[in-house]
Amino acid sequence: QLQLVESGGGLVQPGGSLRLSCEASGFTLDSYGIGWFRQAPGKEREGVSCISSSGASTFYADSVKGRFTIFRDNAKNTVYLQMNSLKPEDTAVYYCNAVYQSYNYWGQGTQVTVSS
């Protein structure tokens, strides 16, 4: 079965850190561009960060620039999102998305809650 599985979400205090993982099963990620998206209650899904297949190019939304880092380990078939200095407004369900030509996969999401 071809799927992406996110993990690493949870409850963290403001200023804390989490590392999200996006692991592929049934296919290899090394040809895919990967994006992280998030959706907060009552809001539209928004792009957070993305990384090229080689890892040489990355992009960050202004709201997370300087706090989040995306990186990939193709040997582990996994892409990560390191989230530091978390804020309450980062609370959302985080999804990863893998795209290559006509192939497009989404994970099921992992909840991140930033609260004291």
N, C-alpha and C. Protein backbone atom coordinates (compact mmCIF):
# COMPACT_ATOMS: atom_id res chain seq x y z
N GLN A 1 0.85 -1.19 0.00
CA GLN A 1 0.00 0.00 0.00
C GLN A 1 0.89 1.24 0.00
N LEU A 2 0.58 2.18 -0.90
CA LEU A 2 1.36 3.39 -1.01
C LEU A 2 0.79 4.42 -0.04
N GLN A 3 1.63 4.89 0.88
CA GLN A 3 1.12 5.88 1.82
C GLN A 3 2.25 6.67 2.44
N LEU A 4 1.85 7.84 2.96
CA LEU A 4 2.72 8.68 3.76
C LEU A 4 2.18 8.65 5.19
N VAL A 5 3.08 8.57 6.13
CA VAL A 5 2.67 8.55 7.52
C VAL A 5 3.44 9.62 8.28
N GLU A 6 2.69 10.56 8.85
CA GLU A 6 3.29 11.60 9.69
C GLU A 6 3.32 11.14 11.14
N SER A 7 4.30 11.61 11.86
CA SER A 7 4.39 11.34 13.29
C SER A 7 5.17 12.48 13.94
N GLY A 8 5.15 12.48 15.26
CA GLY A 8 5.92 13.46 16.01
C GLY A 8 5.13 14.61 16.58
N GLY A 9 3.85 14.67 16.28
CA GLY A 9 3.03 15.73 16.85
C GLY A 9 2.79 15.51 18.33
N GLY A 10 2.18 16.52 18.95
CA GLY A 10 1.87 16.40 20.37
C GLY A 10 1.58 17.75 20.97
N LEU A 11 1.55 17.76 22.29
CA LEU A 11 1.30 18.98 23.05
C LEU A 11 2.64 19.53 23.55
N VAL A 12 2.87 20.80 23.30
CA VAL A 12 4.12 21.43 23.72
C VAL A 12 3.82 22.84 24.21
N GLN A 13 4.62 23.31 25.14
CA GLN A 13 4.45 24.66 25.66
C GLN A 13 5.01 25.69 24.67
N PRO A 14 4.51 26.90 24.72
CA PRO A 14 5.09 27.95 23.87
C PRO A 14 6.59 28.06 24.10
N GLY A 15 7.31 28.21 22.99
CA GLY A 15 8.77 28.25 23.05
C GLY A 15 9.42 26.89 22.91
N GLY A 16 8.64 25.85 22.96
CA GLY A 16 9.17 24.50 22.86
C GLY A 16 9.43 24.07 21.42
N SER A 17 9.83 22.82 21.29
CA SER A 17 10.21 22.27 19.98
C SER A 17 9.55 20.92 19.75
N LEU A 18 9.33 20.63 18.50
CA LEU A 18 8.89 19.32 18.07
C LEU A 18 9.56 19.01 16.73
N ARG A 19 9.73 17.74 16.46
CA ARG A 19 10.21 17.31 15.14
C ARG A 19 9.17 16.38 14.54
N LEU A 20 8.62 16.79 13.42
CA LEU A 20 7.67 15.96 12.70
C LEU A 20 8.41 15.11 11.67
N SER A 21 7.90 13.91 11.47
CA SER A 21 8.46 13.00 10.47
C SER A 21 7.39 12.65 9.46
N CYS A 22 7.81 12.46 8.24
CA CYS A 22 6.92 12.03 7.16
C CYS A 22 7.62 10.88 6.47
N GLU A 23 7.12 9.69 6.69
CA GLU A 23 7.77 8.49 6.16
C GLU A 23 6.88 7.86 5.09
N ALA A 24 7.50 7.48 3.99
CA ALA A 24 6.77 6.84 2.91
C ALA A 24 6.87 5.33 3.02
N SER A 25 5.78 4.68 2.68
CA SER A 25 5.81 3.22 2.57
C SER A 25 5.21 2.83 1.23
N GLY A 26 5.81 1.83 0.61
CA GLY A 26 5.32 1.37 -0.68
C GLY A 26 5.93 2.09 -1.87
N PHE A 27 6.68 3.15 -1.60
CA PHE A 27 7.36 3.86 -2.67
C PHE A 27 8.53 4.63 -2.07
N THR A 28 9.47 5.05 -2.91
CA THR A 28 10.62 5.78 -2.41
C THR A 28 10.44 7.27 -2.68
N LEU A 29 10.88 8.07 -1.73
CA LEU A 29 10.66 9.50 -1.78
C LEU A 29 11.71 10.27 -2.56
N ASP A 30 12.77 9.63 -2.98
CA ASP A 30 13.92 10.40 -3.46
C ASP A 30 13.66 11.18 -4.75
N SER A 31 12.60 10.85 -5.48
CA SER A 31 12.26 11.63 -6.68
C SER A 31 11.19 12.68 -6.42
N TYR A 32 10.68 12.72 -5.20
CA TYR A 32 9.52 13.55 -4.89
C TYR A 32 9.91 14.85 -4.21
N GLY A 33 9.25 15.92 -4.63
CA GLY A 33 9.26 17.13 -3.83
C GLY A 33 8.27 16.93 -2.69
N ILE A 34 8.64 17.44 -1.52
CA ILE A 34 7.82 17.22 -0.33
C ILE A 34 7.42 18.57 0.26
N GLY A 35 6.16 18.66 0.61
CA GLY A 35 5.67 19.85 1.28
C GLY A 35 5.02 19.51 2.61
N TRP A 36 5.16 20.44 3.54
CA TRP A 36 4.41 20.36 4.80
C TRP A 36 3.33 21.44 4.77
N PHE A 37 2.13 21.05 5.12
CA PHE A 37 0.99 21.95 5.19
C PHE A 37 0.38 21.84 6.58
N ARG A 38 -0.43 22.81 6.93
CA ARG A 38 -1.13 22.72 8.21
C ARG A 38 -2.52 23.32 8.07
N GLN A 39 -3.39 22.85 8.93
CA GLN A 39 -4.76 23.35 8.93
C GLN A 39 -5.23 23.49 10.37
N ALA A 40 -5.51 24.73 10.74
CA ALA A 40 -6.03 25.03 12.06
C ALA A 40 -7.56 24.99 12.01
N PRO A 41 -8.21 24.78 13.15
CA PRO A 41 -9.68 24.73 13.17
C PRO A 41 -10.29 25.99 12.58
N GLY A 42 -11.21 25.81 11.65
CA GLY A 42 -11.90 26.93 11.05
C GLY A 42 -11.11 27.69 10.00
N LYS A 43 -9.93 27.20 9.68
CA LYS A 43 -9.09 27.88 8.70
C LYS A 43 -8.77 26.96 7.52
N GLU A 44 -8.34 27.57 6.43
CA GLU A 44 -7.96 26.79 5.27
C GLU A 44 -6.56 26.18 5.47
N ARG A 45 -6.32 25.11 4.74
CA ARG A 45 -5.00 24.51 4.79
C ARG A 45 -4.00 25.46 4.15
N GLU A 46 -2.85 25.60 4.78
CA GLU A 46 -1.82 26.51 4.27
C GLU A 46 -0.49 25.81 4.16
N GLY A 47 0.30 26.25 3.21
CA GLY A 47 1.63 25.70 3.05
C GLY A 47 2.58 26.25 4.09
N VAL A 48 3.41 25.39 4.63
CA VAL A 48 4.36 25.76 5.67
C VAL A 48 5.78 25.77 5.13
N SER A 49 6.14 24.68 4.46
CA SER A 49 7.51 24.53 3.98
C SER A 49 7.54 23.46 2.91
N CYS A 50 8.56 23.52 2.05
CA CYS A 50 8.73 22.45 1.08
C CYS A 50 10.20 22.29 0.76
N ILE A 51 10.52 21.14 0.19
CA ILE A 51 11.90 20.80 -0.12
C ILE A 51 11.94 20.04 -1.44
N SER A 52 12.95 20.34 -2.23
CA SER A 52 13.10 19.66 -3.52
C SER A 52 13.55 18.22 -3.32
N SER A 53 13.49 17.45 -4.39
CA SER A 53 13.84 16.03 -4.29
C SER A 53 15.29 15.82 -3.84
N SER A 54 16.17 16.72 -4.26
CA SER A 54 17.57 16.58 -3.88
C SER A 54 17.85 17.14 -2.50
N GLY A 55 16.94 17.97 -2.03
CA GLY A 55 17.17 18.65 -0.76
C GLY A 55 17.90 19.97 -0.92
N ALA A 56 18.26 20.31 -2.14
CA ALA A 56 19.07 21.51 -2.35
C ALA A 56 18.25 22.79 -2.23
N SER A 57 16.95 22.70 -2.47
CA SER A 57 16.10 23.88 -2.42
C SER A 57 15.03 23.71 -1.36
N THR A 58 14.83 24.77 -0.60
CA THR A 58 13.79 24.75 0.42
C THR A 58 13.02 26.07 0.38
N PHE A 59 11.81 26.03 0.93
CA PHE A 59 10.96 27.21 0.99
C PHE A 59 10.26 27.20 2.34
N TYR A 60 10.07 28.41 2.89
CA TYR A 60 9.35 28.54 4.15
C TYR A 60 8.34 29.67 4.05
N ALA A 61 7.18 29.44 4.64
CA ALA A 61 6.22 30.53 4.78
C ALA A 61 6.80 31.57 5.73
N ASP A 62 6.43 32.82 5.52
CA ASP A 62 6.97 33.89 6.36
C ASP A 62 6.68 33.65 7.84
N SER A 63 5.55 33.04 8.13
CA SER A 63 5.14 32.84 9.52
C SER A 63 6.05 31.87 10.28
N VAL A 64 6.81 31.06 9.56
CA VAL A 64 7.65 30.06 10.23
C VAL A 64 9.14 30.25 9.93
N LYS A 65 9.45 31.18 9.06
CA LYS A 65 10.85 31.39 8.66
C LYS A 65 11.71 31.71 9.87
N GLY A 66 12.84 31.02 9.96
CA GLY A 66 13.74 31.23 11.08
C GLY A 66 13.44 30.36 12.28
N ARG A 67 12.28 29.72 12.28
CA ARG A 67 11.90 28.85 13.41
C ARG A 67 11.80 27.38 13.00
N PHE A 68 11.38 27.15 11.76
CA PHE A 68 11.20 25.78 11.26
C PHE A 68 12.30 25.45 10.26
N THR A 69 12.68 24.18 10.24
CA THR A 69 13.66 23.70 9.27
C THR A 69 13.16 22.39 8.67
N ILE A 70 13.15 22.34 7.35
CA ILE A 70 12.77 21.11 6.65
C ILE A 70 14.04 20.44 6.14
N PHE A 71 14.10 19.14 6.27
CA PHE A 71 15.24 18.40 5.73
C PHE A 71 14.79 16.98 5.46
N ARG A 72 15.57 16.28 4.67
CA ARG A 72 15.19 14.94 4.27
C ARG A 72 16.37 13.99 4.41
N ASP A 73 16.02 12.73 4.66
CA ASP A 73 16.99 11.65 4.70
C ASP A 73 16.45 10.59 3.76
N ASN A 74 16.90 10.63 2.53
CA ASN A 74 16.38 9.70 1.53
C ASN A 74 16.73 8.25 1.86
N ALA A 75 17.81 8.05 2.57
CA ALA A 75 18.18 6.68 2.96
C ALA A 75 17.13 6.09 3.91
N LYS A 76 16.48 6.98 4.69
CA LYS A 76 15.44 6.54 5.61
C LYS A 76 14.04 6.74 5.02
N ASN A 77 14.02 7.25 3.77
CA ASN A 77 12.74 7.46 3.10
C ASN A 77 11.83 8.37 3.92
N THR A 78 12.43 9.39 4.52
CA THR A 78 11.72 10.24 5.48
C THR A 78 12.10 11.70 5.27
N VAL A 79 11.10 12.55 5.44
CA VAL A 79 11.31 13.99 5.46
C VAL A 79 10.89 14.50 6.83
N TYR A 80 11.63 15.48 7.32
CA TYR A 80 11.41 15.98 8.67
C TYR A 80 11.06 17.46 8.64
N LEU A 81 10.35 17.88 9.68
CA LEU A 81 10.12 19.30 9.91
C LEU A 81 10.48 19.58 11.36
N GLN A 82 11.62 20.23 11.54
CA GLN A 82 12.04 20.63 12.89
C GLN A 82 11.39 21.96 13.22
N MET A 83 10.65 21.99 14.29
CA MET A 83 9.89 23.19 14.67
C MET A 83 10.39 23.68 16.02
N ASN A 84 10.99 24.85 16.02
CA ASN A 84 11.50 25.45 17.25
C ASN A 84 10.72 26.73 17.56
N SER A 85 10.87 27.19 18.79
CA SER A 85 10.22 28.44 19.22
C SER A 85 8.74 28.44 18.86
N LEU A 86 8.09 27.36 19.18
CA LEU A 86 6.69 27.21 18.80
C LEU A 86 5.80 28.23 19.50
N LYS A 87 4.77 28.65 18.77
CA LYS A 87 3.82 29.64 19.25
C LYS A 87 2.42 29.03 19.26
N PRO A 88 1.53 29.58 20.06
CA PRO A 88 0.15 29.05 20.05
C PRO A 88 -0.48 29.06 18.66
N GLU A 89 -0.11 30.03 17.85
CA GLU A 89 -0.69 30.10 16.50
C GLU A 89 -0.15 29.03 15.57
N ASP A 90 0.82 28.24 16.02
CA ASP A 90 1.28 27.10 15.23
C ASP A 90 0.39 25.88 15.43
N THR A 91 -0.55 25.97 16.35
CA THR A 91 -1.46 24.86 16.62
C THR A 91 -2.26 24.52 15.37
N ALA A 92 -2.20 23.26 14.95
CA ALA A 92 -2.87 22.82 13.73
C ALA A 92 -2.63 21.33 13.54
N VAL A 93 -3.33 20.78 12.59
CA VAL A 93 -2.98 19.45 12.08
C VAL A 93 -1.99 19.65 10.94
N TYR A 94 -0.88 18.97 11.02
CA TYR A 94 0.18 19.09 10.03
C TYR A 94 0.16 17.88 9.09
N TYR A 95 0.23 18.19 7.80
CA TYR A 95 0.18 17.15 6.77
C TYR A 95 1.42 17.24 5.90
N CYS A 96 1.89 16.09 5.45
CA CYS A 96 2.93 16.12 4.43
C CYS A 96 2.34 15.68 3.10
N ASN A 97 2.96 16.16 2.04
CA ASN A 97 2.49 15.95 0.68
C ASN A 97 3.69 15.64 -0.20
N ALA A 98 3.60 14.56 -0.97
CA ALA A 98 4.68 14.17 -1.87
C ALA A 98 4.19 14.27 -3.30
N VAL A 99 4.96 14.97 -4.13
CA VAL A 99 4.55 15.19 -5.52
C VAL A 99 5.70 14.85 -6.46
N TYR A 100 5.37 14.09 -7.50
CA TYR A 100 6.32 13.78 -8.58
C TYR A 100 5.52 13.53 -9.84
N GLN A 101 5.69 14.36 -10.82
CA GLN A 101 4.93 14.28 -12.09
C GLN A 101 3.45 14.19 -11.75
N SER A 102 2.76 13.14 -12.12
CA SER A 102 1.33 13.03 -11.87
C SER A 102 1.01 12.34 -10.54
N TYR A 103 2.04 11.99 -9.81
CA TYR A 103 1.85 11.30 -8.54
C TYR A 103 1.75 12.32 -7.41
N ASN A 104 0.76 12.14 -6.56
CA ASN A 104 0.49 13.10 -5.49
C ASN A 104 -0.08 12.34 -4.30
N TYR A 105 0.66 12.35 -3.20
CA TYR A 105 0.23 11.61 -2.01
C TYR A 105 0.15 12.55 -0.81
N TRP A 106 -0.85 12.28 0.03
CA TRP A 106 -1.01 13.02 1.28
C TRP A 106 -0.99 12.05 2.46
N GLY A 107 -0.44 12.50 3.55
CA GLY A 107 -0.53 11.74 4.78
C GLY A 107 -1.83 12.03 5.50
N GLN A 108 -2.02 11.36 6.62
CA GLN A 108 -3.28 11.49 7.38
C GLN A 108 -3.25 12.65 8.36
N GLY A 109 -2.07 13.21 8.59
CA GLY A 109 -1.94 14.35 9.47
C GLY A 109 -1.54 13.97 10.89
N THR A 110 -0.87 14.92 11.54
CA THR A 110 -0.51 14.75 12.94
C THR A 110 -0.81 16.07 13.67
N GLN A 111 -1.41 15.95 14.84
CA GLN A 111 -1.86 17.14 15.58
C GLN A 111 -0.70 17.76 16.35
N VAL A 112 -0.55 19.06 16.20
CA VAL A 112 0.40 19.84 17.00
C VAL A 112 -0.39 20.86 17.79
N THR A 113 -0.23 20.83 19.10
CA THR A 113 -0.92 21.79 19.96
C THR A 113 0.12 22.52 20.80
N VAL A 114 0.11 23.83 20.70
CA VAL A 114 1.05 24.66 21.46
C VAL A 114 0.23 25.43 22.49
N SER A 115 0.43 25.08 23.74
CA SER A 115 -0.39 25.67 24.79
C SER A 115 0.32 25.53 26.12
N SER A 116 0.10 26.51 26.98
CA SER A 116 0.63 26.42 28.34
C SER A 116 -0.40 25.83 29.29
